[in-house]
Amino acid sequence: MGIHYDYKSTKSAKLMEKQAKREKKLAEKKAKRLAKEGPKKEEIERNTLDTSKPITLDFLTNPNKE
């Protein structure tokens, strides 16, 4: 019956060990994923419309637009 007296006194230590183990595992996964992806692109260019130009029908229907 000694386990019952021991349980409460070691509960917090066991929880902290579990949390540390979980965080370590997540950090390893993240490092592995980042290494696999390669260098991260800083910024993805998005084609946004220039607000100073009006939107015309030719602009909307032109198949050769850049």
PDB file of N, CA and C in Angstrom:
ATOM      1  N   MET A   1       0.806  -1.196   0.000  1.00  0.00           N
ATOM      2  CA  MET A   1       0.000   0.000   0.000  1.00  0.00           C
ATOM      3  C   MET A   1       0.851   1.263   0.000  1.00  0.00           C
ATOM      4  N   GLY A   2       2.140   1.125  -0.096  1.00  0.00           N
ATOM      5  CA  GLY A   2       3.028   2.272  -0.089  1.00  0.00           C
ATOM      6  C   GLY A   2       2.866   3.145  -1.334  1.00  0.00           C
ATOM      7  N   ILE A   3       2.336   2.589  -2.401  1.00  0.00           N
ATOM      8  CA  ILE A   3       2.177   3.338  -3.644  1.00  0.00           C
ATOM      9  C   ILE A   3       1.210   4.508  -3.475  1.00  0.00           C
ATOM     10  N   HIS A   4       0.237   4.375  -2.614  1.00  0.00           N
ATOM     11  CA  HIS A   4      -0.742   5.443  -2.419  1.00  0.00           C
ATOM     12  C   HIS A   4      -0.123   6.661  -1.758  1.00  0.00           C
ATOM     13  N   TYR A   5       0.798   6.442  -0.866  1.00  0.00           N
ATOM     14  CA  TYR A   5       1.462   7.552  -0.214  1.00  0.00           C
ATOM     15  C   TYR A   5       2.449   8.219  -1.162  1.00  0.00           C
ATOM     16  N   ASP A   6       2.986   7.455  -2.057  1.00  0.00           N
ATOM     17  CA  ASP A   6       3.999   7.925  -2.988  1.00  0.00           C
ATOM     18  C   ASP A   6       3.377   8.670  -4.173  1.00  0.00           C
ATOM     19  N   TYR A   7       2.155   8.357  -4.507  1.00  0.00           N
ATOM     20  CA  TYR A   7       1.529   8.881  -5.716  1.00  0.00           C
ATOM     21  C   TYR A   7       1.400  10.404  -5.697  1.00  0.00           C
ATOM     22  N   LYS A   8       0.849  10.957  -4.645  1.00  0.00           N
ATOM     23  CA  LYS A   8       0.631  12.394  -4.588  1.00  0.00           C
ATOM     24  C   LYS A   8       1.933  13.179  -4.549  1.00  0.00           C
ATOM     25  N   SER A   9       2.930  12.629  -3.899  1.00  0.00           N
ATOM     26  CA  SER A   9       4.189  13.362  -3.781  1.00  0.00           C
ATOM     27  C   SER A   9       4.963  13.368  -5.099  1.00  0.00           C
ATOM     28  N   THR A  10       4.772  12.400  -5.944  1.00  0.00           N
ATOM     29  CA  THR A  10       5.511  12.344  -7.212  1.00  0.00           C
ATOM     30  C   THR A  10       4.654  12.720  -8.415  1.00  0.00           C
ATOM     31  N   LYS A  11       3.388  13.025  -8.199  1.00  0.00           N
ATOM     32  CA  LYS A  11       2.483  13.328  -9.308  1.00  0.00           C
ATOM     33  C   LYS A  11       2.955  14.534 -10.115  1.00  0.00           C
ATOM     34  N   SER A  12       3.308  15.619  -9.458  1.00  0.00           N
ATOM     35  CA  SER A  12       3.717  16.834 -10.174  1.00  0.00           C
ATOM     36  C   SER A  12       5.017  16.616 -10.944  1.00  0.00           C
ATOM     37  N   ALA A  13       5.941  15.873 -10.366  1.00  0.00           N
ATOM     38  CA  ALA A  13       7.206  15.605 -11.048  1.00  0.00           C
ATOM     39  C   ALA A  13       6.971  14.770 -12.302  1.00  0.00           C
ATOM     40  N   LYS A  14       6.086  13.788 -12.202  1.00  0.00           N
ATOM     41  CA  LYS A  14       5.782  12.946 -13.359  1.00  0.00           C
ATOM     42  C   LYS A  14       5.094  13.758 -14.457  1.00  0.00           C
ATOM     43  N   LEU A  15       4.200  14.659 -14.071  1.00  0.00           N
ATOM     44  CA  LEU A  15       3.520  15.496 -15.050  1.00  0.00           C
ATOM     45  C   LEU A  15       4.502  16.418 -15.769  1.00  0.00           C
ATOM     46  N   MET A  16       5.454  16.980 -15.025  1.00  0.00           N
ATOM     47  CA  MET A  16       6.459  17.846 -15.645  1.00  0.00           C
ATOM     48  C   MET A  16       7.348  17.051 -16.597  1.00  0.00           C
ATOM     49  N   GLU A  17       7.692  15.822 -16.231  1.00  0.00           N
ATOM     50  CA  GLU A  17       8.495  14.972 -17.112  1.00  0.00           C
ATOM     51  C   GLU A  17       7.735  14.662 -18.392  1.00  0.00           C
ATOM     52  N   LYS A  18       6.446  14.356 -18.266  1.00  0.00           N
ATOM     53  CA  LYS A  18       5.629  14.076 -19.440  1.00  0.00           C
ATOM     54  C   LYS A  18       5.550  15.289 -20.361  1.00  0.00           C
ATOM     55  N   GLN A  19       5.355  16.468 -19.769  1.00  0.00           N
ATOM     56  CA  GLN A  19       5.263  17.697 -20.548  1.00  0.00           C
ATOM     57  C   GLN A  19       6.582  17.970 -21.272  1.00  0.00           C
ATOM     58  N   ALA A  20       7.699  17.798 -20.573  1.00  0.00           N
ATOM     59  CA  ALA A  20       9.008  18.012 -21.182  1.00  0.00           C
ATOM     60  C   ALA A  20       9.239  17.033 -22.327  1.00  0.00           C
ATOM     61  N   LYS A  21       8.839  15.797 -22.138  1.00  0.00           N
ATOM     62  CA  LYS A  21       8.993  14.777 -23.169  1.00  0.00           C
ATOM     63  C   LYS A  21       8.146  15.127 -24.389  1.00  0.00           C
ATOM     64  N   ARG A  22       6.918  15.575 -24.141  1.00  0.00           N
ATOM     65  CA  ARG A  22       6.016  15.951 -25.232  1.00  0.00           C
ATOM     66  C   ARG A  22       6.569  17.137 -26.022  1.00  0.00           C
ATOM     67  N   GLU A  23       7.075  18.147 -25.316  1.00  0.00           N
ATOM     68  CA  GLU A  23       7.645  19.312 -25.977  1.00  0.00           C
ATOM     69  C   GLU A  23       8.895  18.959 -26.773  1.00  0.00           C
ATOM     70  N   LYS A  24       9.726  18.079 -26.225  1.00  0.00           N
ATOM     71  CA  LYS A  24      10.934  17.647 -26.929  1.00  0.00           C
ATOM     72  C   LYS A  24      10.563  16.927 -28.218  1.00  0.00           C
ATOM     73  N   LYS A  25       9.555  16.073 -28.136  1.00  0.00           N
ATOM     74  CA  LYS A  25       9.116  15.315 -29.304  1.00  0.00           C
ATOM     75  C   LYS A  25       8.562  16.251 -30.382  1.00  0.00           C
ATOM     76  N   LEU A  26       7.765  17.238 -29.972  1.00  0.00           N
ATOM     77  CA  LEU A  26       7.224  18.197 -30.925  1.00  0.00           C
ATOM     78  C   LEU A  26       8.320  19.038 -31.569  1.00  0.00           C
ATOM     79  N   ALA A  27       9.320  19.426 -30.784  1.00  0.00           N
ATOM     80  CA  ALA A  27      10.430  20.208 -31.316  1.00  0.00           C
ATOM     81  C   ALA A  27      11.228  19.398 -32.339  1.00  0.00           C
ATOM     82  N   GLU A  28      11.425  18.116 -32.072  1.00  0.00           N
ATOM     83  CA  GLU A  28      12.137  17.261 -33.024  1.00  0.00           C
ATOM     84  C   GLU A  28      11.344  17.106 -34.317  1.00  0.00           C
ATOM     85  N   LYS A  29      10.028  16.950 -34.186  1.00  0.00           N
ATOM     86  CA  LYS A  29       9.184  16.840 -35.377  1.00  0.00           C
ATOM     87  C   LYS A  29       9.247  18.109 -36.212  1.00  0.00           C
ATOM     88  N   LYS A  30       9.202  19.252 -35.535  1.00  0.00           N
ATOM     89  CA  LYS A  30       9.231  20.530 -36.234  1.00  0.00           C
ATOM     90  C   LYS A  30      10.569  20.723 -36.945  1.00  0.00           C
ATOM     91  N   ALA A  31      11.659  20.384 -36.277  1.00  0.00           N
ATOM     92  CA  ALA A  31      12.987  20.517 -36.880  1.00  0.00           C
ATOM     93  C   ALA A  31      13.125  19.597 -38.084  1.00  0.00           C
ATOM     94  N   LYS A  32      12.598  18.401 -37.962  1.00  0.00           N
ATOM     95  CA  LYS A  32      12.673  17.447 -39.063  1.00  0.00           C
ATOM     96  C   LYS A  32      11.854  17.948 -40.257  1.00  0.00           C
ATOM     97  N   ARG A  33      10.666  18.490 -39.977  1.00  0.00           N
ATOM     98  CA  ARG A  33       9.805  18.991 -41.042  1.00  0.00           C
ATOM     99  C   ARG A  33      10.445  20.186 -41.738  1.00  0.00           C
ATOM    100  N   LEU A  34      11.051  21.097 -40.963  1.00  0.00           N
ATOM    101  CA  LEU A  34      11.700  22.261 -41.558  1.00  0.00           C
ATOM    102  C   LEU A  34      12.912  21.862 -42.392  1.00  0.00           C
ATOM    103  N   ALA A  35      13.647  20.856 -41.931  1.00  0.00           N
ATOM    104  CA  ALA A  35      14.807  20.386 -42.686  1.00  0.00           C
ATOM    105  C   ALA A  35      14.361  19.730 -43.989  1.00  0.00           C
ATOM    106  N   LYS A  36      13.241  19.057 -43.948  1.00  0.00           N
ATOM    107  CA  LYS A  36      12.731  18.373 -45.133  1.00  0.00           C
ATOM    108  C   LYS A  36      12.213  19.370 -46.167  1.00  0.00           C
ATOM    109  N   GLU A  37      11.572  20.458 -45.717  1.00  0.00           N
ATOM    110  CA  GLU A  37      11.016  21.453 -46.617  1.00  0.00           C
ATOM    111  C   GLU A  37      12.095  22.285 -47.296  1.00  0.00           C
ATOM    112  N   GLY A  38      13.200  22.479 -46.637  1.00  0.00           N
ATOM    113  CA  GLY A  38      14.254  23.308 -47.186  1.00  0.00           C
ATOM    114  C   GLY A  38      14.077  24.748 -46.731  1.00  0.00           C
ATOM    115  N   PRO A  39      14.799  25.651 -47.370  1.00  0.00           N
ATOM    116  CA  PRO A  39      14.695  27.054 -46.955  1.00  0.00           C
ATOM    117  C   PRO A  39      13.293  27.605 -47.207  1.00  0.00           C
ATOM    118  N   LYS A  40      12.814  28.340 -46.242  1.00  0.00           N
ATOM    119  CA  LYS A  40      11.467  28.889 -46.337  1.00  0.00           C
ATOM    120  C   LYS A  40      11.497  30.156 -47.174  1.00  0.00           C
ATOM    121  N   LYS A  41      10.525  30.284 -48.052  1.00  0.00           N
ATOM    122  CA  LYS A  41      10.430  31.486 -48.865  1.00  0.00           C
ATOM    123  C   LYS A  41       9.944  32.625 -47.984  1.00  0.00           C
ATOM    124  N   GLU A  42      10.620  33.736 -48.077  1.00  0.00           N
ATOM    125  CA  GLU A  42      10.300  34.875 -47.230  1.00  0.00           C
ATOM    126  C   GLU A  42       8.920  35.444 -47.543  1.00  0.00           C
ATOM    127  N   GLU A  43       8.680  35.659 -48.813  1.00  0.00           N
ATOM    128  CA  GLU A  43       7.423  36.287 -49.169  1.00  0.00           C
ATOM    129  C   GLU A  43       6.959  35.743 -50.510  1.00  0.00           C
ATOM    130  N   ILE A  44       5.718  35.382 -50.570  1.00  0.00           N
ATOM    131  CA  ILE A  44       5.141  34.910 -51.822  1.00  0.00           C
ATOM    132  C   ILE A  44       4.521  36.106 -52.513  1.00  0.00           C
ATOM    133  N   GLU A  45       4.937  36.302 -53.754  1.00  0.00           N
ATOM    134  CA  GLU A  45       4.400  37.431 -54.494  1.00  0.00           C
ATOM    135  C   GLU A  45       2.983  37.114 -54.934  1.00  0.00           C
ATOM    136  N   ARG A  46       2.130  38.053 -54.727  1.00  0.00           N
ATOM    137  CA  ARG A  46       0.753  37.900 -55.170  1.00  0.00           C
ATOM    138  C   ARG A  46       0.485  38.957 -56.231  1.00  0.00           C
ATOM    139  N   ASN A  47      -0.214  38.527 -57.244  1.00  0.00           N
ATOM    140  CA  ASN A  47      -0.571  39.468 -58.287  1.00  0.00           C
ATOM    141  C   ASN A  47      -1.787  40.251 -57.832  1.00  0.00           C
ATOM    142  N   THR A  48      -1.549  41.481 -57.467  1.00  0.00           N
ATOM    143  CA  THR A  48      -2.637  42.333 -57.025  1.00  0.00           C
ATOM    144  C   THR A  48      -2.909  43.370 -58.096  1.00  0.00           C
ATOM    145  N   LEU A  49      -4.102  43.813 -58.122  1.00  0.00           N
ATOM    146  CA  LEU A  49      -4.480  44.807 -59.110  1.00  0.00           C
ATOM    147  C   LEU A  49      -4.036  46.192 -58.657  1.00  0.00           C
ATOM    148  N   ASP A  50      -3.637  46.990 -59.626  1.00  0.00           N
ATOM    149  CA  ASP A  50      -3.266  48.367 -59.334  1.00  0.00           C
ATOM    150  C   ASP A  50      -4.546  49.172 -59.165  1.00  0.00           C
ATOM    151  N   THR A  51      -4.682  49.821 -58.041  1.00  0.00           N
ATOM    152  CA  THR A  51      -5.924  50.533 -57.749  1.00  0.00           C
ATOM    153  C   THR A  51      -6.071  51.817 -58.556  1.00  0.00           C
ATOM    154  N   SER A  52      -4.986  52.296 -59.145  1.00  0.00           N
ATOM    155  CA  SER A  52      -5.074  53.522 -59.925  1.00  0.00           C
ATOM    156  C   SER A  52      -5.613  53.271 -61.333  1.00  0.00           C
ATOM    157  N   LYS A  53      -5.570  52.016 -61.807  1.00  0.00           N
ATOM    158  CA  LYS A  53      -6.069  51.686 -63.143  1.00  0.00           C
ATOM    159  C   LYS A  53      -7.500  51.182 -63.058  1.00  0.00           C
ATOM    160  N   PRO A  54      -8.332  51.592 -63.993  1.00  0.00           N
ATOM    161  CA  PRO A  54      -9.712  51.069 -64.002  1.00  0.00           C
ATOM    162  C   PRO A  54      -9.746  49.637 -64.544  1.00  0.00           C
ATOM    163  N   ILE A  55     -10.700  48.858 -64.107  1.00  0.00           N
ATOM    164  CA  ILE A  55     -10.856  47.490 -64.588  1.00  0.00           C
ATOM    165  C   ILE A  55     -11.751  47.538 -65.819  1.00  0.00           C
ATOM    166  N   THR A  56     -11.198  47.042 -66.923  1.00  0.00           N
ATOM    167  CA  THR A  56     -11.948  47.073 -68.176  1.00  0.00           C
ATOM    168  C   THR A  56     -12.333  45.663 -68.576  1.00  0.00           C
ATOM    169  N   LEU A  57     -13.246  45.569 -69.530  1.00  0.00           N
ATOM    170  CA  LEU A  57     -13.676  44.263 -70.031  1.00  0.00           C
ATOM    171  C   LEU A  57     -12.529  43.555 -70.728  1.00  0.00           C
ATOM    172  N   ASP A  58     -11.708  44.307 -71.448  1.00  0.00           N
ATOM    173  CA  ASP A  58     -10.553  43.728 -72.129  1.00  0.00           C
ATOM    174  C   ASP A  58      -9.579  43.126 -71.119  1.00  0.00           C
ATOM    175  N   PHE A  59      -9.385  43.804 -70.007  1.00  0.00           N
ATOM    176  CA  PHE A  59      -8.492  43.300 -68.961  1.00  0.00           C
ATOM    177  C   PHE A  59      -9.027  41.988 -68.378  1.00  0.00           C
ATOM    178  N   LEU A  60     -10.326  41.901 -68.191  1.00  0.00           N
ATOM    179  CA  LEU A  60     -10.919  40.698 -67.605  1.00  0.00           C
ATOM    180  C   LEU A  60     -10.931  39.507 -68.546  1.00  0.00           C
ATOM    181  N   THR A  61     -11.080  39.776 -69.860  1.00  0.00           N
ATOM    182  CA  THR A  61     -11.247  38.672 -70.811  1.00  0.00           C
ATOM    183  C   THR A  61      -9.987  38.366 -71.611  1.00  0.00           C
ATOM    184  N   ASN A  62      -8.909  39.087 -71.409  1.00  0.00           N
ATOM    185  CA  ASN A  62      -7.671  38.876 -72.173  1.00  0.00           C
ATOM    186  C   ASN A  62      -7.011  37.575 -71.722  1.00  0.00           C
ATOM    187  N   PRO A  63      -6.901  36.586 -72.650  1.00  0.00           N
ATOM    188  CA  PRO A  63      -6.267  35.307 -72.272  1.00  0.00           C
ATOM    189  C   PRO A  63      -4.750  35.393 -72.174  1.00  0.00           C
ATOM    190  N   ASN A  64      -4.142  36.430 -72.717  1.00  0.00           N
ATOM    191  CA  ASN A  64      -2.691  36.554 -72.739  1.00  0.00           C
ATOM    192  C   ASN A  64      -2.171  37.505 -71.669  1.00  0.00           C
ATOM    193  N   LYS A  65      -2.904  37.678 -70.613  1.00  0.00           N
ATOM    194  CA  LYS A  65      -2.439  38.601 -69.581  1.00  0.00           C
ATOM    195  C   LYS A  65      -1.305  37.964 -68.772  1.00  0.00           C
ATOM    196  N   GLU A  66      -0.468  38.808 -68.227  1.00  0.00           N
ATOM    197  CA  GLU A  66       0.719  38.341 -67.514  1.00  0.00           C
ATOM    198  C   GLU A  66       0.434  37.995 -66.093  1.00  0.00           C
TER     199      GLU A  66
END
